[in-house]
Protein backbone atom coordinates (compact mmCIF):
# COMPACT_ATOMS: atom_id res chain seq x y z
CA MET A 1 -0.33 19.00 -17.10
CA LYS A 2 -0.98 22.36 -19.52
CA LEU A 3 1.53 25.12 -19.02
CA LYS A 4 0.33 28.84 -19.73
CA ILE A 5 3.34 31.08 -20.61
CA CYS A 6 3.25 34.84 -21.35
CA HIS A 7 6.55 36.76 -23.58
CA VAL A 8 9.04 37.87 -21.08
CA GLU A 9 9.88 41.22 -21.06
CA GLN A 10 12.52 41.38 -18.41
CA LEU A 11 14.29 38.35 -16.45
CA LYS A 12 15.91 39.31 -12.98
CA GLY A 13 16.46 37.37 -9.59
CA THR A 14 18.52 34.34 -8.20
CA LEU A 15 17.45 30.63 -8.18
CA SER A 16 19.95 28.11 -6.54
CA ILE A 17 20.50 24.88 -7.89
CA SER A 18 19.28 21.47 -6.84
CA GLY A 19 20.96 18.49 -6.55
CA SER A 20 21.48 16.40 -9.61
CA LYS A 21 18.82 14.31 -11.20
CA ASN A 22 21.25 11.96 -12.68
CA ALA A 23 23.75 11.49 -9.86
CA SER A 24 20.54 10.90 -7.38
CA LEU A 25 19.51 7.97 -9.10
CA PRO A 26 22.21 5.83 -9.44
CA LEU A 27 23.25 6.76 -5.74
CA MET A 28 19.80 5.52 -4.56
CA ALA A 29 20.67 2.14 -6.22
CA CYS A 30 23.67 1.75 -3.86
CA SER A 31 21.30 1.38 -0.95
CA LEU A 32 21.47 -1.86 -2.44
CA LEU A 33 24.76 -3.27 -1.84
CA THR A 34 24.60 -2.63 1.59
CA HIS A 35 22.62 -3.33 4.82
CA GLU A 36 23.41 -0.39 6.77
CA PRO A 37 21.79 3.31 6.09
CA ILE A 38 22.46 5.01 3.41
CA CYS A 39 21.79 8.96 3.88
CA LEU A 40 21.72 11.29 0.86
CA SER A 41 21.27 15.31 1.36
CA HIS A 42 21.15 18.25 -1.51
CA PHE A 43 18.65 14.94 -2.63
CA PRO A 44 16.19 16.80 -5.30
CA ASP A 45 12.38 16.86 -4.79
CA ILE A 46 11.31 15.64 -8.55
CA THR A 47 9.02 12.92 -10.01
CA ASP A 48 12.39 10.66 -11.56
CA THR A 49 13.54 10.45 -7.80
CA LEU A 50 10.22 9.74 -6.45
CA CYS A 51 10.08 7.59 -9.05
CA MET A 52 13.12 5.38 -7.87
CA LYS A 53 11.56 5.85 -4.02
CA ASP A 54 8.92 3.80 -4.69
CA ILE A 55 10.78 1.26 -6.68
CA LEU A 56 12.93 0.68 -4.27
CA ALA A 57 10.31 0.43 -1.70
CA SER A 58 8.11 -1.84 -3.27
CA ILE A 59 11.18 -4.42 -3.37
CA GLY A 60 12.47 -4.01 0.29
CA VAL A 61 14.25 -0.74 0.94
CA GLU A 62 13.18 1.18 3.97
CA ILE A 63 13.41 4.83 2.97
CA GLN A 64 13.01 7.95 5.42
CA TYR A 65 12.59 11.33 3.02
CA THR A 66 12.10 15.03 4.67
CA PRO A 67 11.70 17.06 1.63
CA ASP A 68 12.17 20.46 3.78
CA GLU A 69 15.66 18.92 4.81
CA GLN A 70 16.34 17.15 1.35
CA LYS A 71 17.73 14.20 2.77
CA MET A 72 17.09 10.85 2.26
CA ILE A 73 17.89 7.71 4.18
CA LEU A 74 17.99 4.40 2.90
CA THR A 75 18.44 1.18 4.12
CA LYS A 76 17.60 -2.28 2.53
CA LYS A 77 16.23 -4.83 4.38
CA GLN A 78 14.32 -8.00 2.74
CA ILE A 79 14.79 -8.00 -0.74
CA LYS A 80 12.38 -9.23 -3.27
CA THR A 81 13.53 -10.41 -6.39
CA ASP A 82 10.24 -9.88 -8.83
CA LEU A 83 10.76 -6.47 -10.57
CA SER A 84 7.78 -7.07 -12.90
CA MET A 85 6.23 -3.37 -12.24
CA ASP A 86 5.12 -0.17 -14.08
CA LEU A 87 7.43 1.48 -12.28
CA ILE A 88 10.01 0.12 -13.51
CA ARG A 89 9.43 1.16 -17.14
CA GLN A 90 8.41 4.64 -16.00
CA ILE A 91 11.87 5.47 -15.68
CA ARG A 92 15.18 4.80 -17.39
CA ALA A 93 17.37 5.00 -14.44
CA SER A 94 15.54 1.60 -13.42
CA TYR A 95 18.15 -0.49 -15.03
CA TYR A 96 20.53 0.77 -12.06
CA ILE A 97 18.87 -1.96 -9.99
CA MET A 98 19.63 -4.05 -12.10
CA GLY A 99 23.25 -3.87 -11.70
CA ALA A 100 22.47 -3.28 -7.85
CA LEU A 101 21.05 -6.77 -7.96
CA VAL A 102 23.51 -8.17 -9.85
CA GLY A 103 26.23 -7.21 -7.52
CA CYS A 104 24.42 -8.98 -4.37
CA HIS A 105 24.92 -12.11 -6.55
CA VAL A 106 21.19 -12.84 -6.90
CA SER A 107 18.38 -14.34 -9.44
CA PHE A 108 15.84 -11.97 -10.14
CA GLU A 109 13.38 -10.79 -12.88
CA THR A 110 12.52 -7.58 -14.14
CA VAL A 111 10.74 -5.90 -17.12
CA TYR A 112 12.75 -3.32 -19.91
CA PRO A 113 13.23 0.17 -18.20
CA GLY A 114 11.26 3.08 -19.22
CA GLY A 115 12.31 6.67 -19.72
CA CYS A 116 11.82 9.50 -22.45
CA ASN A 117 11.85 8.44 -25.87
CA PHE A 118 13.75 11.43 -28.40
CA SER A 119 16.29 8.03 -29.46
CA ARG A 120 16.37 4.61 -29.92
CA ARG A 121 18.26 3.21 -26.71
CA PRO A 122 19.14 -0.44 -25.90
CA ILE A 123 20.35 -2.08 -23.20
CA ASP A 124 22.41 -4.19 -24.96
CA TYR A 125 25.90 -2.98 -23.49
CA HIS A 126 24.22 -3.70 -19.71
CA ILE A 127 23.12 -6.90 -20.71
CA ASP A 128 26.48 -7.89 -22.11
CA ALA A 129 28.42 -6.42 -19.11
CA PHE A 130 26.12 -8.55 -16.75
CA GLU A 131 26.30 -11.45 -19.40
CA LYS A 132 30.72 -11.52 -19.12
CA LEU A 133 30.09 -10.83 -15.20
CA GLY A 134 28.48 -14.44 -14.95
CA TYR A 135 24.53 -14.11 -15.17
CA GLN A 136 22.74 -15.65 -18.01
CA ILE A 137 19.80 -13.47 -18.79
CA ARG A 138 17.05 -14.49 -21.52
CA GLU A 139 14.06 -12.93 -21.96
CA VAL A 140 10.99 -14.40 -21.65
CA SER A 141 6.96 -12.76 -23.11
CA GLY A 142 8.71 -9.54 -22.11
CA LYS A 143 10.60 -10.07 -19.23
CA LEU A 144 14.68 -10.16 -18.41
CA ILE A 145 15.41 -13.19 -16.42
CA PHE A 146 18.78 -13.28 -14.33
CA GLN A 147 20.15 -16.01 -12.94
CA ARG A 148 23.11 -15.74 -10.72
CA PRO A 149 26.01 -18.28 -11.63
CA LYS A 150 25.78 -21.17 -8.93
CA ASN A 151 29.83 -20.74 -8.16
CA GLN A 152 30.95 -17.50 -8.26
CA LYS A 153 34.86 -17.53 -9.27
CA LYS A 154 37.91 -15.84 -8.34
CA GLU A 155 38.46 -14.18 -11.71
CA ASP A 156 39.75 -11.10 -13.90
CA ILE A 157 37.43 -9.90 -16.07
CA HIS A 158 38.07 -7.10 -18.52
CA ILE A 159 35.31 -5.66 -20.06
CA TYR A 160 35.88 -3.29 -23.27
CA LEU A 161 32.81 -0.59 -24.24
CA PRO A 162 32.39 -0.22 -27.85
CA GLN A 163 30.77 3.24 -27.21
CA LYS A 164 31.18 5.09 -23.89
CA SER A 165 27.93 4.85 -21.83
CA VAL A 166 27.31 6.64 -18.36
CA GLY A 167 24.63 3.80 -17.29
CA THR A 168 26.44 0.95 -18.65
CA THR A 169 29.29 2.32 -16.05
CA ILE A 170 27.87 2.74 -13.33
CA ASN A 171 25.31 -0.48 -13.61
CA ILE A 172 29.05 -2.74 -13.97
CA LEU A 173 30.17 -0.52 -10.92
CA LEU A 174 27.24 -1.41 -9.23
CA ALA A 175 27.65 -5.27 -10.06
CA SER A 176 31.40 -5.51 -9.58
CA THR A 177 32.06 -3.40 -6.42
CA LYS A 178 31.50 -6.96 -3.92
CA ARG A 179 32.94 -9.35 -6.64
CA LYS A 180 35.28 -11.81 -6.13
CA GLY A 181 38.38 -10.98 -8.34
CA LYS A 182 39.29 -8.15 -10.25
CA VAL A 183 37.38 -6.37 -13.13
CA SER A 184 38.46 -3.45 -15.45
CA ILE A 185 36.14 -1.12 -17.58
CA SER A 186 38.07 0.33 -21.22
CA ASN A 187 36.48 3.03 -22.55
CA ALA A 188 34.65 3.97 -19.54
CA SER A 189 32.53 6.75 -19.25
CA THR A 190 33.93 9.32 -16.54
CA GLU A 191 31.19 12.05 -16.27
CA PRO A 192 31.02 14.19 -13.03
CA GLU A 193 27.54 11.73 -12.13
CA VAL A 194 29.79 8.57 -12.90
CA LEU A 195 32.70 9.66 -10.39
CA GLU A 196 30.23 10.60 -7.95
CA VAL A 197 28.96 6.96 -7.39
CA ILE A 198 32.82 6.19 -7.89
CA ALA A 199 32.89 8.97 -4.66
CA LEU A 200 29.92 6.84 -2.87
CA LEU A 201 31.03 3.59 -3.64
CA LYS A 202 34.62 3.98 -1.97
CA GLN A 203 32.87 5.68 1.10
CA MET A 204 31.12 2.40 1.77
CA GLY A 205 34.49 0.36 1.15
CA ALA A 206 34.77 -0.02 -2.30
CA ARG A 207 38.15 -0.51 -3.67
CA ILE A 208 38.06 1.87 -7.51
CA GLU A 209 40.71 3.52 -9.12
CA VAL A 210 40.35 5.72 -12.64
CA LEU A 211 42.87 6.10 -15.04
CA GLN A 212 41.41 8.26 -17.65
CA ASP A 213 39.00 6.47 -19.37
CA THR A 214 39.55 3.06 -17.78
CA ILE A 215 38.37 1.70 -14.54
CA HIS A 216 39.74 -0.96 -11.91
CA ILE A 217 37.69 -2.38 -9.40
CA GLU A 218 38.72 -4.87 -7.00
CA GLY A 219 35.80 -6.46 -4.95
CA VAL A 220 35.18 -6.78 -1.03
CA ARG A 221 33.21 -8.69 1.03
CA ARG A 222 30.73 -6.06 2.09
CA LEU A 223 30.10 -2.71 2.16
CA LYS A 224 28.97 -0.54 4.88
CA GLY A 225 26.73 2.90 5.01
CA ALA A 226 27.46 6.15 4.30
CA SER A 227 26.28 10.16 4.02
CA PHE A 228 27.00 11.61 1.21
CA THR A 229 26.16 15.24 -0.41
CA ILE A 230 24.97 15.28 -3.77
CA MET A 231 26.13 16.97 -6.78
CA SER A 232 24.35 19.97 -7.80
CA ASP A 233 22.39 19.53 -11.46
CA ARG A 234 24.91 20.87 -14.05
CA ILE A 235 21.72 20.06 -16.31
CA GLU A 236 19.67 22.33 -14.48
CA ALA A 237 22.29 24.95 -13.93
CA GLY A 238 22.79 24.58 -17.65
CA SER A 239 19.12 25.20 -18.37
CA TYR A 240 18.92 28.22 -16.58
CA LEU A 241 21.72 29.92 -17.94
CA LEU A 242 20.48 29.14 -21.69
CA LEU A 243 17.08 30.43 -20.44
CA ALA A 244 18.81 33.82 -19.17
CA SER A 245 20.81 33.86 -22.31
CA ALA A 246 17.63 34.51 -24.18
CA ILE A 247 16.04 37.37 -22.87
CA PRO A 248 17.33 40.85 -23.67
CA HIS A 249 18.88 42.73 -20.72
CA ALA A 250 18.10 39.69 -18.58
CA HIS A 251 19.99 39.88 -15.39
CA VAL A 252 20.44 36.66 -13.11
CA THR A 253 22.49 34.73 -10.67
CA LEU A 254 22.77 30.81 -10.61
CA GLN A 255 23.89 29.83 -6.77
CA ASN A 256 25.32 26.22 -5.35
CA VAL A 257 26.80 26.02 -9.34
CA ASP A 258 29.49 23.69 -9.59
CA ILE A 259 31.38 25.71 -12.40
CA ARG A 260 33.67 22.87 -13.49
CA TYR A 261 30.99 20.97 -14.75
CA ILE A 262 29.49 23.29 -16.84
CA GLU A 263 32.52 25.28 -18.45
CA GLU A 264 31.83 24.42 -21.73
CA VAL A 265 28.79 25.62 -21.76
CA ILE A 266 29.93 29.42 -20.27
CA HIS A 267 32.61 29.25 -22.94
CA THR A 268 29.96 28.76 -25.91
CA LEU A 269 27.97 31.19 -24.50
CA GLN A 270 31.05 33.79 -24.16
CA ASP A 271 32.12 33.22 -27.31
CA MET A 272 28.41 33.71 -28.33
CA GLY A 273 29.09 37.50 -26.66
CA LEU A 274 27.27 36.89 -22.91
CA GLN A 275 28.36 38.51 -20.20
CA MET A 276 29.06 36.78 -16.67
CA ARG A 277 30.72 37.13 -14.11
CA ILE A 278 31.63 34.22 -12.28
CA GLY A 279 32.32 33.37 -8.63
CA ASP A 280 33.70 30.26 -6.45
CA ASN A 281 29.69 28.58 -6.67
CA GLU A 282 27.83 31.39 -8.50
CA ILE A 283 27.28 33.13 -12.21
CA GLU A 284 25.76 36.21 -12.57
CA ILE A 285 24.37 36.31 -16.04
CA ILE A 286 24.13 40.07 -17.22
CA ASN A 287 22.39 40.32 -21.13
CA ASP A 288 23.26 43.20 -22.10
CA VAL A 289 24.38 42.86 -26.00
CA PRO A 290 22.76 40.99 -28.42
CA LEU A 291 24.46 37.74 -28.85
CA ILE A 292 25.67 36.45 -32.10
CA GLY A 293 25.40 32.69 -33.76
CA THR A 294 27.29 29.28 -32.69
CA THR A 295 28.52 26.88 -34.42
CA THR A 296 28.70 23.64 -31.79
CA ILE A 297 29.54 20.24 -31.56
CA VAL A 298 27.66 18.01 -28.91
CA ASP A 299 29.74 15.49 -27.54
CA ILE A 300 30.26 13.71 -24.78
CA TYR A 301 31.97 15.14 -21.33
CA PRO A 302 33.66 17.28 -20.85
CA HIS A 303 32.41 19.05 -24.58
CA PHE A 304 28.87 20.89 -24.98
CA PRO A 305 26.61 17.96 -22.77
CA THR A 306 23.44 16.46 -25.68
CA ASP A 307 21.11 17.38 -22.85
CA LEU A 308 21.09 20.93 -23.19
CA GLN A 309 21.37 20.64 -27.49
CA GLN A 310 17.39 21.54 -27.85
CA ILE A 311 17.58 24.81 -25.62
CA LEU A 312 20.98 25.67 -27.16
CA SER A 313 18.94 25.26 -30.51
CA VAL A 314 16.18 27.96 -29.12
CA VAL A 315 18.50 30.34 -27.69
CA CYS A 316 19.79 30.31 -31.19
CA LEU A 317 16.45 31.85 -32.87
CA SER A 318 16.70 34.90 -30.64
CA VAL A 319 20.57 35.47 -31.88
CA THR A 320 21.38 38.12 -34.62
CA SER A 321 23.45 35.47 -36.98
CA PRO A 322 23.04 31.69 -38.55
CA SER A 323 24.09 29.07 -35.69
CA ARG A 324 25.10 25.24 -36.65
CA ILE A 325 24.87 22.45 -33.92
CA LYS A 326 25.74 18.54 -34.18
CA ASP A 327 24.90 16.36 -31.73
CA LEU A 328 27.77 13.25 -31.80
CA VAL A 329 25.82 11.38 -28.99
CA TYR A 330 22.65 11.27 -30.18
CA PRO A 331 22.25 12.33 -33.61
CA ASN A 332 18.22 12.55 -34.28
CA ARG A 333 17.20 14.38 -30.49
CA PHE A 334 15.52 17.27 -32.50
CA SER A 335 12.26 16.99 -30.96
CA GLN A 336 11.89 20.51 -30.97
CA ILE A 337 11.64 20.98 -34.25
CA GLU A 338 7.98 20.42 -34.16
CA ALA A 339 7.32 23.12 -31.76
CA ILE A 340 9.82 25.79 -32.84
CA LYS A 341 8.34 25.62 -36.85
CA LYS A 342 4.77 25.38 -35.38
CA MET A 343 5.97 28.77 -33.49
CA GLY A 344 7.27 30.20 -36.61
CA GLY A 345 11.02 29.40 -36.23
CA LYS A 346 13.59 28.62 -39.20
CA MET A 347 15.47 25.90 -39.51
CA THR A 348 16.93 23.02 -41.61
CA ILE A 349 18.96 18.80 -41.09
CA GLU A 350 21.87 18.94 -43.46
CA GLU A 351 23.28 15.04 -43.08
CA GLU A 352 22.33 15.85 -39.23
CA VAL A 353 23.56 18.98 -38.95
CA LEU A 354 20.92 21.44 -37.52
CA HIS A 355 21.26 24.79 -39.31
CA ILE A 356 19.03 27.50 -37.07
CA PHE A 357 18.46 31.34 -38.33
CA PRO A 358 17.29 34.28 -36.30
CA SER A 359 13.44 33.59 -36.09
CA THR A 360 10.45 35.72 -34.86
CA LEU A 361 8.39 33.63 -33.04
CA MET A 362 4.46 33.79 -32.21
CA GLY A 363 2.89 31.95 -29.32
CA THR A 364 0.79 28.55 -29.93
CA THR A 365 -0.08 24.97 -28.21
CA ILE A 366 2.87 23.24 -28.19
CA GLN A 367 3.56 19.70 -27.11
CA ALA A 368 7.07 18.50 -24.74
CA TYR A 369 7.53 15.49 -25.94
CA ASP A 370 10.91 14.46 -23.51
CA LEU A 371 12.60 15.94 -20.16
CA ARG A 372 14.69 18.85 -22.32
CA CYS A 373 12.13 19.12 -25.25
CA GLY A 374 9.94 20.65 -22.06
CA PHE A 375 12.62 22.83 -21.07
CA ALA A 376 13.30 23.70 -24.93
CA CYS A 377 9.64 25.10 -24.89
CA ILE A 378 9.81 26.92 -21.75
CA VAL A 379 12.27 28.84 -23.28
CA LEU A 380 10.56 29.16 -26.68
CA ALA A 381 7.51 30.38 -24.77
CA ALA A 382 9.30 32.83 -23.02
CA ILE A 383 10.90 34.61 -25.81
CA ALA A 384 7.74 34.28 -28.58
CA ASN A 385 5.28 36.97 -28.89
CA ASN A 386 1.70 36.84 -27.52
CA THR A 387 0.92 33.55 -24.73
CA THR A 388 2.12 30.06 -25.52
CA ILE A 389 0.85 26.95 -23.93
CA ILE A 390 2.64 23.86 -23.57
CA GLU A 391 0.65 20.41 -23.09
CA ASN A 392 2.28 17.11 -21.76
CA ALA A 393 3.81 19.50 -19.28
CA GLN A 394 4.21 17.10 -16.97
CA ILE A 395 7.17 15.60 -18.21
CA ILE A 396 9.28 18.87 -17.45
CA LEU A 397 8.85 17.91 -13.50
CA ARG A 398 11.15 14.67 -13.84
CA GLY A 399 14.41 16.80 -14.06
CA TYR A 400 13.55 20.60 -12.46
CA GLU A 401 13.00 20.76 -9.46
CA GLN A 402 10.32 23.35 -8.28
CA ILE A 403 10.57 24.79 -11.67
CA ILE A 404 7.47 27.00 -11.79
CA PRO A 405 8.23 28.83 -8.73
CA LYS A 406 12.04 29.32 -9.51
CA LEU A 407 10.68 30.87 -12.87
CA LYS A 408 7.91 32.78 -11.12
CA SER A 409 10.95 34.01 -8.84
CA ILE A 410 12.78 35.49 -12.08
CA GLY A 411 10.20 37.10 -13.58
CA VAL A 412 8.65 33.99 -15.87
CA SER A 413 4.44 34.42 -16.37
CA ILE A 414 3.54 30.60 -16.20
CA GLN A 415 0.58 28.95 -14.69
CA ILE A 416 -0.92 25.55 -14.51
CA LEU A 417 -4.19 25.57 -16.14
CA GLU A 418 -6.95 25.14 -13.97
CA ASN A 419 -9.17 23.10 -15.87
CA GLU A 420 -5.45 20.86 -16.17
CA ARG A 421 -5.31 20.71 -12.17
C-alpha cells in the first residue's frame, strides 16, 4: 500500500485514542486459560489484533467480534496443538500463545513468531523461562517442539530475568497462573501493559502479587471468565501528541488518554516549549511558539518509550536548536534515518547517540520499514514541502486504528493511491 501525503499547513481538531495494541494481544491469549468467555471492550480494530483473532480461531477459540461496538468475546473450545502456520510468523505477539499453552499444561509445536525487524529480538528469555517451568523444548526443522513434563510437581520456582522484558514477563504470567506451586519473577517488567494482563488474570481468579520489580504468582486449579475494558493506547496517544508538536500553530485535542502513562512524553515536550492543557483524560495541544531541541534518554517505563523514539527524532528536525537522543532499549532502532536523509534531514550517529539538526525537508518517495517508522514517515511527510509518497504503508495499520480517517479529521491531506488499492 502507498500513501500520498501533502505538506500540512494547519492541524486542528479532536481525536479519540483507541484501545491499546500492546495490551490487547496478550489479553486475547488469556482466553486459552479458561473455558468460560472472556469479553474484551474498547477493542482496537487493527491488523495485529485481527491476525491474533485468526490465530486463536484456527486453533480452537470461538470468537464473536463486533467492531462497531469495539467488543470481542473469546471462548475456548477444543484446542489444536499444532501451531505450524504462516499466521504465527506475521506478528511477534503470537508468542503469547506459547505461554498460554504452557499454562494449559499441554504439549505442542509451533514456528517462530514474526513482527517488525527493526532490531534483533530473539525469544531466548521466553524459552529459558518455559524450561525452568519444566518444559523440554527442542528445535526441529525450524519448528519448536514443546514437551510438557509428565508429572508436574508442586514446587516453588524463581525466575530471574537478565533484562526487563515485557513479553517474557507476560509469558511467565500466562504459563504460571494454573501451575502447582509458586513462581517468582525477579527484575520483572511492570509496564502498564503487563499490569493490564495481571488485572485481567486476577479478575479471572489468579493469585498474583506485584512488589516493585518482583512478581509472585501462586498457582490455582482453574480460572473463570471475565469482562474487561482495555486501556487506551499510550503509544498512539504519544504518536499524535508528537505529530501535533511538529506542526506550527497546531491546535489538537486528544480524548480518552490515560495521562499517567505518558507523563514522560508530556514532560519532554513541555521542556521543548510545547503548550498543553491537561485534563483528567484529555490533552489540548496549542503549538503557538517555536520549540527548542531536546536531550532525551529512551528507556523502559516510566521513561520515554522506545516505541516513540523514531517519531521524536522527526519532530526534532522542525525545532530551533540541535537535539540528542539515546535509546537504551534498542540502541540501533534507526530505520527512520534513511527516509530522513533522503528528504534532506541532517543527523548523525555517534556511539549510538542520534544527533539531530533543524532541517528543511523536501517531499519524495520513502519507505516504512516497521510500524513506528511508518508513523515517523507520516510526520516527515506532514512537515516536508511538496508531496511525499510512503511505500509499504500497510505496516502502519498494524498498530493505528482508523489512522487515515483520524488524520483527515485534523487536517492531514492523506490518501491511498488508487492503483495500490
